[in-house]
Amino acid sequence: MEDSGKYMCQVNTDPMKMQTATLEVVIPPDIINEETSGDLMVPEGGAAKLVCRARGHPKPRITWRREDGREIIARHAGHQKTKAPSVEGEMLTLSKVTRSEMGAYMCIASNGVPPSVSKRMKLQVHFHPLVQVPNQLVGAPVLTDVTLICNVEASPKAINYWQRENGEMIIAGDRYALTEKEHNMYSMEMVLHIKRLQSSDFGGYKCISKNSIGDTEGTIRLYEMERPGRKQMRDDEINEVTRNEVENRHKENRHEEGSRNQNGRLYKDRTQEPELGSSADSTRAPAPAQGTMQLIKTFILALLVLLATTATAEAVAPTTTTAATTTATATTAAATMLFYTKGAARQKDTKETNLRLELNGAGDAEHEYCERSATTAGIGWSMQGLAARTPATK
């Protein structure tokens, strides 16, 4: 620098001649490390001040840039926030620092004399770990593979690990794979890959991140899902059961509605009776409704009384008169019974069926039997053989 100045060249002639020139010594920029900031650590929300000084001639110009090319967020005295790709000046002030401002800052000194010089300063913003779980509920079938993911943000760098909900730490092995994928200085992805799921694998999992400031955990619940084919089979079974229940209920309703006759008495649906010649018909015939059975029993008792009275009268009256009276009485009783049962139990069934009724007789409580014959005209009751089985009056 001391060599800079004006220089004169003089020629001693007559007249004397001279020439002057100015010498300017230039010096390329050089960073003054003693007066320049190094790596800096601040808590999130705090303030950071970066200083960069350089020597050279002419005086170097200082420019600040971010190494990753992102904009610098500068806050001035008026608390106005501005974003710019670069900032001029020896001092860079950052207030209310956030984790997004973490990274490397470049101080570049230039004065037009090559080469320009720069210095890299790393700004670290420390904060409590943050764990974000994209899917807190994960389902998978047995014997399949599943992947659990947690996104972690922490500074300084944290220790990350997985645990079961009972506190058991998960260690990498044949069925467990643990990986970490870094996104930037403070953000990363924790991945737990489980192979060939077993029933014991289902339950809660914790992804835990711990650094010098604190620790945080995220929770994921892993539940069992049915295989698609198995679920379809179960759905088909449920649909089949539901369809059968609906059909049975429909049949019951139809049976109950169709089993009421004109007199309001409830009878068994004729559609439930087996056809003639079937195995069910040969072993058992359906019984009439309870009201009809009671009516028949009452009428049979009355008929037995009539027959007993006729037998008594036969002992007093002449034989021909007694026989005529007995025949007339029995005929009248049978006709009355036939008329009554026809009116009480009409059915829309053209098929002929037989019904064996077991009735309590009178006197010696002998079981009497009637034969029912169903046709399109109605139901009739034949009293064949009844008089022969009626107890004689002494």
Foldseek 3Di string as FASTA:
>chain_A
DVPWAKDKAWAVDVVIDMDMDTGDDWFWKDKDVVFWDAAEEEAQQAKDKGFTAIDIPPGWWKKKAFPVQFWDWAADPVRDTDTDRMDTDRMGMDGNHHQVNFHKMKIWIGDPDDDIDIDIYGYHYFDAKDKDFPAQEAEEAAQAKDKGKIKMFGPPAWDKFKAFPVGHTDDDDDFWDWDKADDDNGIIMTMIMGGRHDPVPFAKMKIKIADPVGIDIDIHGYDYDDDPVVVVVVVVVVVVVVVVVVVVVVVVVVQQVVQQDPVRDGWGAPVPFDAPPDPCQVPATDDTDPVVLVVVQVLQAVLLVVLQVLLVVCVVDDVVVSVVSNVVSNVVSQVVQFVVQFVRFFDQDAGWGWHWDWYQHPDVRDTDTWIWTQHNSGIGIDCPPVSVPRDHDD
